[in-house]
Amino acid sequence: MITGIHHIVISVSNLDESIEFYRRLGFEVDKVDSKQGMAGFFDRAFMKSGKALVELVCFRNKREKQDDTMLKPGGKIASFEVDDLEAFCRELKNKGIKLTLEPKEGTRWQYAQIRDNDGFLIEFMGSA
């Protein structure tokens, strides 16, 4: 039985800029290291906020990155639950982060969206 999401991996173009962006969202750096993987050599940062864990991956050889499976069809949105969507969105705006979708009512959830510094779509969900 699946009980939750362990972590989300996001391929980024600049690790330092992405770390700063995710810090502005409320994440903290848990670990930064480098690794040789099947898709090539990369630097990575694990960012934590509550139980949410995001792994930011930056490939050193951009040609290798083009062959990486992370660029093929698959997940395109990371969605995080927040306790108060309206307050969270105000906080984002105060930090200069532009909402690409203002809070909107769904059937069971309210949601809003932003894009990170590489254009990756991030969604925030709160109870309706």
N, C-alpha and C. Protein backbone atom coordinates (compact mmCIF):
# COMPACT_ATOMS: atom_id res chain seq x y z
N MET A 1 0.84 -1.18 0.00
CA MET A 1 0.00 0.00 0.00
C MET A 1 0.89 1.25 0.00
N ILE A 2 0.59 2.18 -0.86
CA ILE A 2 1.32 3.45 -0.90
C ILE A 2 0.77 4.33 0.21
N THR A 3 1.67 4.90 1.01
CA THR A 3 1.23 5.73 2.13
C THR A 3 1.59 7.20 1.98
N GLY A 4 2.28 7.56 0.91
CA GLY A 4 2.64 8.95 0.69
C GLY A 4 3.74 9.04 -0.36
N ILE A 5 4.19 10.23 -0.61
CA ILE A 5 5.29 10.46 -1.56
C ILE A 5 6.56 10.63 -0.76
N HIS A 6 7.60 9.86 -1.11
CA HIS A 6 8.87 9.97 -0.38
C HIS A 6 9.60 11.25 -0.76
N HIS A 7 9.80 11.47 -2.07
CA HIS A 7 10.42 12.72 -2.52
C HIS A 7 10.14 12.93 -4.01
N ILE A 8 10.37 14.15 -4.45
CA ILE A 8 10.19 14.53 -5.85
C ILE A 8 11.56 14.97 -6.37
N VAL A 9 11.92 14.52 -7.58
CA VAL A 9 13.18 14.91 -8.20
C VAL A 9 12.88 15.90 -9.31
N ILE A 10 13.61 17.03 -9.30
CA ILE A 10 13.42 18.07 -10.31
C ILE A 10 14.79 18.39 -10.91
N SER A 11 14.91 18.25 -12.23
CA SER A 11 16.13 18.61 -12.94
C SER A 11 16.17 20.13 -13.10
N VAL A 12 17.28 20.75 -12.70
CA VAL A 12 17.40 22.21 -12.73
C VAL A 12 18.62 22.62 -13.55
N SER A 13 18.64 23.87 -14.01
CA SER A 13 19.77 24.34 -14.83
C SER A 13 20.87 24.99 -13.99
N ASN A 14 20.53 25.50 -12.80
CA ASN A 14 21.51 26.15 -11.93
C ASN A 14 21.15 25.80 -10.50
N LEU A 15 21.98 24.98 -9.86
CA LEU A 15 21.66 24.47 -8.52
C LEU A 15 21.58 25.59 -7.49
N ASP A 16 22.52 26.52 -7.51
CA ASP A 16 22.51 27.60 -6.51
C ASP A 16 21.25 28.46 -6.62
N GLU A 17 20.88 28.83 -7.86
CA GLU A 17 19.67 29.63 -8.05
C GLU A 17 18.42 28.87 -7.61
N SER A 18 18.39 27.58 -7.89
CA SER A 18 17.24 26.77 -7.51
C SER A 18 17.15 26.59 -6.00
N ILE A 19 18.29 26.40 -5.35
CA ILE A 19 18.29 26.31 -3.88
C ILE A 19 17.70 27.58 -3.30
N GLU A 20 18.13 28.72 -3.80
CA GLU A 20 17.62 30.00 -3.29
C GLU A 20 16.11 30.12 -3.54
N PHE A 21 15.65 29.72 -4.72
CA PHE A 21 14.22 29.80 -5.03
C PHE A 21 13.41 28.94 -4.06
N TYR A 22 13.82 27.70 -3.85
CA TYR A 22 13.08 26.80 -2.98
C TYR A 22 13.18 27.23 -1.51
N ARG A 23 14.26 27.89 -1.14
CA ARG A 23 14.33 28.48 0.22
C ARG A 23 13.25 29.54 0.39
N ARG A 24 13.03 30.33 -0.66
CA ARG A 24 11.99 31.36 -0.59
C ARG A 24 10.60 30.75 -0.44
N LEU A 25 10.43 29.50 -0.87
CA LEU A 25 9.15 28.80 -0.69
C LEU A 25 9.01 28.23 0.72
N GLY A 26 10.08 28.24 1.49
CA GLY A 26 10.03 27.71 2.85
C GLY A 26 10.80 26.42 3.04
N PHE A 27 11.49 25.94 2.00
CA PHE A 27 12.30 24.74 2.13
C PHE A 27 13.65 25.08 2.76
N GLU A 28 14.23 24.10 3.43
CA GLU A 28 15.57 24.24 4.00
C GLU A 28 16.48 23.19 3.36
N VAL A 29 17.75 23.52 3.22
CA VAL A 29 18.71 22.57 2.66
C VAL A 29 18.96 21.47 3.69
N ASP A 30 18.76 20.23 3.27
CA ASP A 30 19.02 19.08 4.13
C ASP A 30 20.39 18.50 3.83
N LYS A 31 20.75 18.44 2.54
CA LYS A 31 22.02 17.83 2.13
C LYS A 31 22.35 18.29 0.72
N VAL A 32 23.63 18.55 0.46
CA VAL A 32 24.11 18.87 -0.89
C VAL A 32 25.29 17.93 -1.17
N ASP A 33 25.29 17.30 -2.34
CA ASP A 33 26.41 16.45 -2.71
C ASP A 33 26.50 16.32 -4.22
N SER A 34 27.44 15.52 -4.67
CA SER A 34 27.63 15.25 -6.09
C SER A 34 27.61 13.74 -6.27
N LYS A 35 27.18 13.33 -7.46
CA LYS A 35 27.03 11.89 -7.69
C LYS A 35 27.22 11.57 -9.17
N GLN A 36 27.75 10.39 -9.44
CA GLN A 36 27.83 9.85 -10.79
C GLN A 36 26.67 8.88 -10.92
N GLY A 37 25.79 9.13 -11.88
CA GLY A 37 24.64 8.26 -12.10
C GLY A 37 24.62 7.77 -13.53
N MET A 38 23.56 7.03 -13.88
CA MET A 38 23.44 6.48 -15.23
C MET A 38 23.38 7.59 -16.29
N ALA A 39 22.86 8.76 -15.93
CA ALA A 39 22.72 9.85 -16.90
C ALA A 39 23.92 10.80 -16.88
N GLY A 40 24.94 10.51 -16.08
CA GLY A 40 26.11 11.36 -16.03
C GLY A 40 26.38 11.88 -14.63
N PHE A 41 27.34 12.79 -14.53
CA PHE A 41 27.74 13.36 -13.25
C PHE A 41 26.84 14.55 -12.93
N PHE A 42 26.35 14.61 -11.71
CA PHE A 42 25.47 15.72 -11.33
C PHE A 42 25.67 16.13 -9.89
N ASP A 43 25.30 17.38 -9.62
CA ASP A 43 25.26 17.93 -8.27
C ASP A 43 23.80 17.90 -7.85
N ARG A 44 23.55 17.74 -6.56
CA ARG A 44 22.16 17.70 -6.11
C ARG A 44 22.03 18.30 -4.73
N ALA A 45 20.82 18.75 -4.45
CA ALA A 45 20.49 19.29 -3.13
C ALA A 45 19.15 18.70 -2.71
N PHE A 46 19.09 18.21 -1.49
CA PHE A 46 17.84 17.74 -0.92
C PHE A 46 17.27 18.88 -0.08
N MET A 47 16.05 19.28 -0.40
CA MET A 47 15.39 20.40 0.27
C MET A 47 14.18 19.85 1.04
N LYS A 48 14.04 20.27 2.32
CA LYS A 48 12.94 19.77 3.15
C LYS A 48 12.07 20.92 3.64
N SER A 49 10.79 20.62 3.72
CA SER A 49 9.82 21.52 4.37
C SER A 49 8.75 20.61 4.98
N GLY A 50 8.72 20.52 6.29
CA GLY A 50 7.81 19.58 6.94
C GLY A 50 8.17 18.18 6.49
N LYS A 51 7.18 17.42 5.98
CA LYS A 51 7.42 16.07 5.48
C LYS A 51 7.78 16.06 3.99
N ALA A 52 7.71 17.22 3.33
CA ALA A 52 8.00 17.29 1.89
C ALA A 52 9.51 17.30 1.66
N LEU A 53 9.95 16.48 0.71
CA LEU A 53 11.36 16.39 0.35
C LEU A 53 11.49 16.52 -1.17
N VAL A 54 12.28 17.51 -1.61
CA VAL A 54 12.52 17.74 -3.03
C VAL A 54 14.01 17.57 -3.28
N GLU A 55 14.35 16.78 -4.30
CA GLU A 55 15.74 16.60 -4.71
C GLU A 55 15.96 17.40 -5.99
N LEU A 56 16.78 18.43 -5.90
CA LEU A 56 17.14 19.25 -7.06
C LEU A 56 18.40 18.66 -7.67
N VAL A 57 18.37 18.38 -8.98
CA VAL A 57 19.48 17.73 -9.66
C VAL A 57 19.95 18.62 -10.80
N CYS A 58 21.26 18.89 -10.82
CA CYS A 58 21.85 19.73 -11.88
C CYS A 58 22.98 18.95 -12.55
N PHE A 59 22.77 18.58 -13.81
CA PHE A 59 23.78 17.83 -14.55
C PHE A 59 24.92 18.74 -14.97
N ARG A 60 26.14 18.25 -14.82
CA ARG A 60 27.31 19.05 -15.19
C ARG A 60 27.54 19.04 -16.70
N ASN A 61 27.30 17.92 -17.35
CA ASN A 61 27.48 17.82 -18.79
C ASN A 61 26.09 17.94 -19.41
N LYS A 62 25.80 19.09 -19.99
CA LYS A 62 24.46 19.35 -20.52
C LYS A 62 24.09 18.38 -21.64
N ARG A 63 25.08 17.87 -22.38
CA ARG A 63 24.77 16.90 -23.42
C ARG A 63 24.22 15.61 -22.81
N GLU A 64 24.82 15.19 -21.70
CA GLU A 64 24.31 14.00 -21.00
C GLU A 64 22.90 14.25 -20.51
N LYS A 65 22.63 15.45 -20.06
CA LYS A 65 21.29 15.78 -19.55
C LYS A 65 20.23 15.57 -20.63
N GLN A 66 20.57 15.84 -21.89
CA GLN A 66 19.59 15.69 -22.97
C GLN A 66 19.14 14.24 -23.13
N ASP A 67 19.99 13.30 -22.75
CA ASP A 67 19.64 11.89 -22.85
C ASP A 67 18.96 11.37 -21.59
N ASP A 68 18.84 12.18 -20.58
CA ASP A 68 18.30 11.76 -19.30
C ASP A 68 16.80 11.50 -19.38
N THR A 69 16.35 10.48 -18.71
CA THR A 69 14.92 10.14 -18.71
C THR A 69 14.07 11.21 -18.06
N MET A 70 14.65 12.09 -17.24
CA MET A 70 13.85 13.15 -16.61
C MET A 70 13.30 14.13 -17.63
N LEU A 71 13.87 14.15 -18.85
CA LEU A 71 13.39 15.07 -19.87
C LEU A 71 12.37 14.42 -20.79
N LYS A 72 12.12 13.14 -20.59
CA LYS A 72 11.13 12.42 -21.40
C LYS A 72 9.75 12.56 -20.76
N PRO A 73 8.68 12.17 -21.47
CA PRO A 73 7.34 12.30 -20.91
C PRO A 73 7.23 11.67 -19.53
N GLY A 74 6.50 12.35 -18.67
CA GLY A 74 6.31 11.89 -17.30
C GLY A 74 5.75 13.03 -16.47
N GLY A 75 5.97 12.99 -15.18
CA GLY A 75 5.45 13.99 -14.27
C GLY A 75 5.91 15.40 -14.60
N LYS A 76 5.01 16.34 -14.53
CA LYS A 76 5.33 17.71 -14.89
C LYS A 76 4.94 18.72 -13.82
N ILE A 77 4.30 18.26 -12.74
CA ILE A 77 3.85 19.16 -11.67
C ILE A 77 4.21 18.55 -10.33
N ALA A 78 4.73 19.36 -9.43
CA ALA A 78 4.87 18.96 -8.03
C ALA A 78 3.77 19.69 -7.27
N SER A 79 2.99 18.97 -6.50
CA SER A 79 1.87 19.56 -5.78
C SER A 79 2.07 19.36 -4.28
N PHE A 80 2.03 20.47 -3.54
CA PHE A 80 2.24 20.43 -2.10
C PHE A 80 1.00 20.90 -1.37
N GLU A 81 0.67 20.23 -0.28
CA GLU A 81 -0.46 20.64 0.55
C GLU A 81 0.03 21.70 1.54
N VAL A 82 -0.75 22.75 1.71
CA VAL A 82 -0.44 23.81 2.68
C VAL A 82 -1.63 23.97 3.61
N ASP A 83 -1.37 24.48 4.82
CA ASP A 83 -2.45 24.57 5.79
C ASP A 83 -3.41 25.73 5.53
N ASP A 84 -2.94 26.84 4.99
CA ASP A 84 -3.78 28.00 4.71
C ASP A 84 -3.34 28.58 3.37
N LEU A 85 -4.03 28.22 2.30
CA LEU A 85 -3.62 28.59 0.95
C LEU A 85 -3.57 30.10 0.75
N GLU A 86 -4.59 30.81 1.20
CA GLU A 86 -4.64 32.26 1.01
C GLU A 86 -3.45 32.93 1.69
N ALA A 87 -3.18 32.56 2.93
CA ALA A 87 -2.05 33.15 3.67
C ALA A 87 -0.73 32.77 3.02
N PHE A 88 -0.61 31.53 2.56
CA PHE A 88 0.62 31.08 1.91
C PHE A 88 0.87 31.87 0.63
N CYS A 89 -0.18 32.11 -0.15
CA CYS A 89 -0.05 32.87 -1.39
C CYS A 89 0.34 34.33 -1.11
N ARG A 90 -0.22 34.91 -0.07
CA ARG A 90 0.18 36.28 0.32
C ARG A 90 1.67 36.31 0.67
N GLU A 91 2.12 35.29 1.39
CA GLU A 91 3.53 35.20 1.77
C GLU A 91 4.42 35.09 0.53
N LEU A 92 4.00 34.27 -0.44
CA LEU A 92 4.77 34.15 -1.69
C LEU A 92 4.88 35.50 -2.39
N LYS A 93 3.77 36.20 -2.50
CA LYS A 93 3.77 37.51 -3.16
C LYS A 93 4.66 38.50 -2.42
N ASN A 94 4.64 38.46 -1.09
CA ASN A 94 5.50 39.35 -0.30
C ASN A 94 6.98 39.06 -0.54
N LYS A 95 7.29 37.83 -0.93
CA LYS A 95 8.67 37.45 -1.23
C LYS A 95 9.01 37.69 -2.70
N GLY A 96 8.07 38.25 -3.47
CA GLY A 96 8.31 38.56 -4.87
C GLY A 96 8.11 37.38 -5.81
N ILE A 97 7.43 36.35 -5.35
CA ILE A 97 7.16 35.18 -6.19
C ILE A 97 5.80 35.37 -6.84
N LYS A 98 5.78 35.35 -8.17
CA LYS A 98 4.55 35.59 -8.93
C LYS A 98 3.72 34.31 -9.04
N LEU A 99 2.45 34.43 -8.76
CA LEU A 99 1.53 33.31 -8.95
C LEU A 99 1.15 33.24 -10.43
N THR A 100 1.25 32.06 -11.02
CA THR A 100 0.80 31.89 -12.41
C THR A 100 -0.69 31.54 -12.43
N LEU A 101 -1.20 31.08 -11.30
CA LEU A 101 -2.62 30.83 -11.13
C LEU A 101 -2.99 31.23 -9.72
N GLU A 102 -3.83 32.27 -9.62
CA GLU A 102 -4.30 32.72 -8.31
C GLU A 102 -5.14 31.62 -7.67
N PRO A 103 -5.31 31.65 -6.34
CA PRO A 103 -6.12 30.62 -5.69
C PRO A 103 -7.48 30.44 -6.37
N LYS A 104 -7.79 29.19 -6.62
CA LYS A 104 -9.00 28.83 -7.34
C LYS A 104 -9.70 27.70 -6.58
N GLU A 105 -11.04 27.76 -6.56
CA GLU A 105 -11.83 26.73 -5.88
C GLU A 105 -11.98 25.50 -6.75
N GLY A 106 -11.67 24.34 -6.18
CA GLY A 106 -11.94 23.07 -6.83
C GLY A 106 -13.10 22.42 -6.09
N THR A 107 -13.35 21.17 -6.39
CA THR A 107 -14.44 20.46 -5.73
C THR A 107 -14.13 20.22 -4.25
N ARG A 108 -12.93 19.71 -3.96
CA ARG A 108 -12.53 19.43 -2.59
C ARG A 108 -11.38 20.29 -2.10
N TRP A 109 -10.70 20.93 -3.02
CA TRP A 109 -9.49 21.68 -2.68
C TRP A 109 -9.50 23.06 -3.33
N GLN A 110 -8.78 23.97 -2.71
CA GLN A 110 -8.40 25.22 -3.36
C GLN A 110 -6.99 24.98 -3.87
N TYR A 111 -6.62 25.63 -4.96
CA TYR A 111 -5.27 25.43 -5.45
C TYR A 111 -4.76 26.71 -6.11
N ALA A 112 -3.44 26.83 -6.13
CA ALA A 112 -2.76 27.94 -6.79
C ALA A 112 -1.47 27.38 -7.38
N GLN A 113 -0.90 28.09 -8.35
CA GLN A 113 0.30 27.59 -9.01
C GLN A 113 1.34 28.69 -9.21
N ILE A 114 2.60 28.25 -9.23
CA ILE A 114 3.73 29.11 -9.58
C ILE A 114 4.64 28.30 -10.50
N ARG A 115 5.65 28.95 -11.03
CA ARG A 115 6.72 28.26 -11.75
C ARG A 115 8.03 28.61 -11.07
N ASP A 116 8.92 27.61 -10.98
CA ASP A 116 10.22 27.89 -10.37
C ASP A 116 11.11 28.60 -11.37
N ASN A 117 12.37 28.83 -11.02
CA ASN A 117 13.28 29.60 -11.86
C ASN A 117 13.60 28.91 -13.19
N ASP A 118 13.30 27.61 -13.32
CA ASP A 118 13.46 26.90 -14.58
C ASP A 118 12.14 26.67 -15.29
N GLY A 119 11.05 27.19 -14.75
CA GLY A 119 9.75 27.04 -15.38
C GLY A 119 8.97 25.81 -14.95
N PHE A 120 9.49 25.06 -13.99
CA PHE A 120 8.80 23.86 -13.49
C PHE A 120 7.54 24.28 -12.75
N LEU A 121 6.42 23.64 -13.05
CA LEU A 121 5.13 23.98 -12.46
C LEU A 121 4.98 23.41 -11.06
N ILE A 122 4.69 24.29 -10.10
CA ILE A 122 4.51 23.89 -8.70
C ILE A 122 3.11 24.32 -8.28
N GLU A 123 2.39 23.40 -7.68
CA GLU A 123 1.00 23.65 -7.26
C GLU A 123 0.92 23.53 -5.74
N PHE A 124 0.09 24.39 -5.16
CA PHE A 124 -0.16 24.36 -3.73
C PHE A 124 -1.63 24.11 -3.51
N MET A 125 -1.95 23.16 -2.63
CA MET A 125 -3.32 22.76 -2.38
C MET A 125 -3.70 23.05 -0.93
N GLY A 126 -4.92 23.55 -0.74
CA GLY A 126 -5.45 23.78 0.60
C GLY A 126 -6.92 23.34 0.63
N SER A 127 -7.42 23.00 1.78
CA SER A 127 -8.83 22.57 1.90
C SER A 127 -9.77 23.65 1.44
N ALA A 128 -10.80 23.25 0.73
CA ALA A 128 -11.80 24.21 0.22
C ALA A 128 -12.83 24.50 1.29
